[in-house]
Amino acid sequence: MPDILAMHAESRADTPAVLVDPAGGALPSATTFGQLNALVNRAAHAFAALGAQPGDRIVWWGYNSVDAVPL
């Protein structure tokens, strides 16, 4: 299965991937595909250091929120 996030990070690293409008502020803050890919890779390495193996399932138990993105 291709790594879609890594492909986007490579081809459009500076393009916003996650936009957040802080309670109606003038401009939303953004996380780019490059930044998001780096965050996901950091989380993957942390899970691997805790013993997670390819194919293991990891669950997020929390509210749906963009705050969960920057692990």
N, C-alpha and C. Protein backbone atom coordinates (compact mmCIF):
# COMPACT_ATOMS: atom_id res chain seq x y z
N MET A 1 0.84 -1.17 0.00
CA MET A 1 0.00 0.00 0.00
C MET A 1 0.89 1.24 0.00
N PRO A 2 0.64 2.18 -0.89
CA PRO A 2 1.48 3.37 -0.94
C PRO A 2 1.26 4.27 0.27
N ASP A 3 2.30 4.97 0.64
CA ASP A 3 2.22 5.93 1.75
C ASP A 3 1.79 7.28 1.16
N ILE A 4 0.48 7.50 1.17
CA ILE A 4 -0.10 8.69 0.54
C ILE A 4 0.43 9.97 1.19
N LEU A 5 0.53 9.98 2.51
CA LEU A 5 1.03 11.18 3.20
C LEU A 5 2.46 11.48 2.79
N ALA A 6 3.32 10.47 2.72
CA ALA A 6 4.71 10.69 2.31
C ALA A 6 4.78 11.20 0.87
N MET A 7 3.89 10.70 0.01
CA MET A 7 3.89 11.16 -1.38
C MET A 7 3.49 12.63 -1.45
N HIS A 8 2.48 13.03 -0.68
CA HIS A 8 2.08 14.44 -0.64
C HIS A 8 3.20 15.29 -0.04
N ALA A 9 3.83 14.79 1.02
CA ALA A 9 4.91 15.54 1.67
C ALA A 9 6.07 15.76 0.71
N GLU A 10 6.31 14.79 -0.16
CA GLU A 10 7.41 14.92 -1.11
C GLU A 10 7.06 15.89 -2.24
N SER A 11 5.84 15.81 -2.73
CA SER A 11 5.47 16.61 -3.90
C SER A 11 4.95 18.00 -3.55
N ARG A 12 4.45 18.19 -2.33
CA ARG A 12 3.90 19.50 -1.94
C ARG A 12 4.11 19.74 -0.45
N ALA A 13 5.36 19.73 -0.05
CA ALA A 13 5.72 19.84 1.37
C ALA A 13 5.20 21.11 2.03
N ASP A 14 5.10 22.21 1.30
CA ASP A 14 4.70 23.48 1.90
C ASP A 14 3.21 23.79 1.78
N THR A 15 2.44 22.84 1.25
CA THR A 15 0.99 23.03 1.10
C THR A 15 0.29 22.69 2.41
N PRO A 16 -0.65 23.51 2.84
CA PRO A 16 -1.37 23.20 4.09
C PRO A 16 -2.12 21.87 4.00
N ALA A 17 -1.97 21.05 5.04
CA ALA A 17 -2.66 19.77 5.12
C ALA A 17 -3.77 19.82 6.17
N VAL A 18 -3.56 20.57 7.24
CA VAL A 18 -4.53 20.72 8.32
C VAL A 18 -4.68 22.21 8.59
N LEU A 19 -5.91 22.70 8.48
CA LEU A 19 -6.20 24.10 8.75
C LEU A 19 -7.04 24.20 10.02
N VAL A 20 -6.72 25.18 10.85
CA VAL A 20 -7.45 25.39 12.09
C VAL A 20 -7.87 26.84 12.17
N ASP A 21 -9.14 27.08 12.37
CA ASP A 21 -9.64 28.43 12.57
C ASP A 21 -9.82 28.62 14.07
N PRO A 22 -8.89 29.33 14.71
CA PRO A 22 -8.96 29.47 16.17
C PRO A 22 -10.12 30.36 16.60
N ALA A 23 -11.28 29.75 16.76
CA ALA A 23 -12.48 30.44 17.26
C ALA A 23 -12.82 31.69 16.45
N GLY A 24 -12.82 31.54 15.14
CA GLY A 24 -13.23 32.65 14.29
C GLY A 24 -12.16 33.69 14.07
N GLY A 25 -10.90 33.34 14.29
CA GLY A 25 -9.83 34.30 14.07
C GLY A 25 -9.73 34.71 12.61
N ALA A 26 -8.95 35.71 12.36
CA ALA A 26 -8.84 36.26 11.01
C ALA A 26 -8.22 35.26 10.04
N LEU A 27 -7.13 34.65 10.41
CA LEU A 27 -6.46 33.70 9.53
C LEU A 27 -6.30 32.37 10.26
N PRO A 28 -6.60 31.27 9.58
CA PRO A 28 -6.40 29.97 10.22
C PRO A 28 -4.92 29.65 10.32
N SER A 29 -4.56 28.91 11.34
CA SER A 29 -3.20 28.39 11.41
C SER A 29 -3.16 27.12 10.58
N ALA A 30 -2.01 26.75 10.10
CA ALA A 30 -1.92 25.60 9.20
C ALA A 30 -0.73 24.73 9.55
N THR A 31 -0.90 23.44 9.33
CA THR A 31 0.19 22.47 9.39
C THR A 31 0.37 21.97 7.96
N THR A 32 1.58 22.04 7.44
CA THR A 32 1.83 21.64 6.06
C THR A 32 1.98 20.12 5.96
N PHE A 33 1.91 19.61 4.73
CA PHE A 33 2.11 18.19 4.52
C PHE A 33 3.48 17.74 5.01
N GLY A 34 4.50 18.57 4.82
CA GLY A 34 5.83 18.22 5.30
C GLY A 34 5.88 18.12 6.82
N GLN A 35 5.26 19.09 7.49
CA GLN A 35 5.22 19.07 8.96
C GLN A 35 4.41 17.88 9.47
N LEU A 36 3.26 17.63 8.84
CA LEU A 36 2.41 16.52 9.26
C LEU A 36 3.13 15.19 9.08
N ASN A 37 3.83 15.03 7.97
CA ASN A 37 4.59 13.80 7.74
C ASN A 37 5.66 13.61 8.80
N ALA A 38 6.34 14.69 9.17
CA ALA A 38 7.37 14.61 10.22
C ALA A 38 6.75 14.21 11.56
N LEU A 39 5.58 14.78 11.89
CA LEU A 39 4.90 14.43 13.14
C LEU A 39 4.48 12.96 13.16
N VAL A 40 3.94 12.49 12.04
CA VAL A 40 3.50 11.09 11.95
C VAL A 40 4.70 10.16 12.07
N ASN A 41 5.80 10.50 11.41
CA ASN A 41 7.00 9.66 11.50
C ASN A 41 7.55 9.64 12.92
N ARG A 42 7.51 10.79 13.61
CA ARG A 42 7.97 10.84 15.00
C ARG A 42 7.10 9.94 15.88
N ALA A 43 5.79 9.98 15.67
CA ALA A 43 4.89 9.12 16.43
C ALA A 43 5.14 7.65 16.12
N ALA A 44 5.35 7.32 14.84
CA ALA A 44 5.61 5.93 14.45
C ALA A 44 6.88 5.41 15.10
N HIS A 45 7.93 6.23 15.15
CA HIS A 45 9.17 5.81 15.80
C HIS A 45 8.98 5.64 17.30
N ALA A 46 8.17 6.50 17.92
CA ALA A 46 7.90 6.37 19.35
C ALA A 46 7.14 5.08 19.63
N PHE A 47 6.14 4.75 18.80
CA PHE A 47 5.41 3.50 18.99
C PHE A 47 6.32 2.29 18.77
N ALA A 48 7.20 2.36 17.77
CA ALA A 48 8.14 1.27 17.53
C ALA A 48 9.08 1.08 18.71
N ALA A 49 9.50 2.19 19.32
CA ALA A 49 10.38 2.10 20.50
C ALA A 49 9.66 1.44 21.67
N LEU A 50 8.34 1.52 21.68
CA LEU A 50 7.55 0.89 22.74
C LEU A 50 7.19 -0.56 22.40
N GLY A 51 7.64 -1.02 21.24
CA GLY A 51 7.42 -2.42 20.88
C GLY A 51 6.39 -2.66 19.80
N ALA A 52 5.78 -1.63 19.24
CA ALA A 52 4.81 -1.82 18.16
C ALA A 52 5.52 -2.37 16.93
N GLN A 53 4.85 -3.28 16.25
CA GLN A 53 5.40 -3.91 15.05
C GLN A 53 4.51 -3.55 13.85
N PRO A 54 5.03 -3.64 12.63
CA PRO A 54 4.19 -3.41 11.45
C PRO A 54 2.97 -4.34 11.50
N GLY A 55 1.80 -3.77 11.24
CA GLY A 55 0.57 -4.54 11.28
C GLY A 55 -0.17 -4.44 12.60
N ASP A 56 0.51 -3.98 13.66
CA ASP A 56 -0.16 -3.77 14.94
C ASP A 56 -1.17 -2.64 14.81
N ARG A 57 -2.19 -2.69 15.64
CA ARG A 57 -3.20 -1.63 15.65
C ARG A 57 -2.99 -0.77 16.88
N ILE A 58 -3.05 0.52 16.67
CA ILE A 58 -2.89 1.49 17.76
C ILE A 58 -4.15 2.35 17.76
N VAL A 59 -4.73 2.54 18.92
CA VAL A 59 -6.01 3.22 19.04
C VAL A 59 -5.83 4.59 19.66
N TRP A 60 -6.53 5.58 19.09
CA TRP A 60 -6.64 6.91 19.71
C TRP A 60 -7.94 6.91 20.49
N TRP A 61 -7.88 7.11 21.80
CA TRP A 61 -9.06 7.15 22.64
C TRP A 61 -9.21 8.57 23.13
N GLY A 62 -9.91 9.37 22.38
CA GLY A 62 -10.10 10.76 22.74
C GLY A 62 -11.09 11.41 21.80
N TYR A 63 -11.32 12.67 21.99
CA TYR A 63 -12.24 13.42 21.16
C TYR A 63 -11.65 13.65 19.77
N ASN A 64 -12.51 13.71 18.76
CA ASN A 64 -12.08 14.09 17.43
C ASN A 64 -11.66 15.55 17.48
N SER A 65 -10.41 15.80 17.28
CA SER A 65 -9.90 17.15 17.39
C SER A 65 -8.57 17.24 16.66
N VAL A 66 -8.32 18.39 16.09
CA VAL A 66 -7.03 18.62 15.45
C VAL A 66 -5.91 18.65 16.50
N ASP A 67 -6.27 18.83 17.77
CA ASP A 67 -5.27 18.81 18.84
C ASP A 67 -4.59 17.45 18.96
N ALA A 68 -5.21 16.42 18.42
CA ALA A 68 -4.62 15.08 18.45
C ALA A 68 -3.52 14.93 17.41
N VAL A 69 -3.46 15.82 16.44
CA VAL A 69 -2.49 15.69 15.34
C VAL A 69 -1.05 15.83 15.80
N PRO A 70 -0.67 16.88 16.53
CA PRO A 70 0.76 17.02 16.88
C PRO A 70 1.16 16.20 18.08
N LEU A 71 0.95 14.92 18.02
CA LEU A 71 1.27 13.98 19.09
C LEU A 71 2.38 14.49 19.94
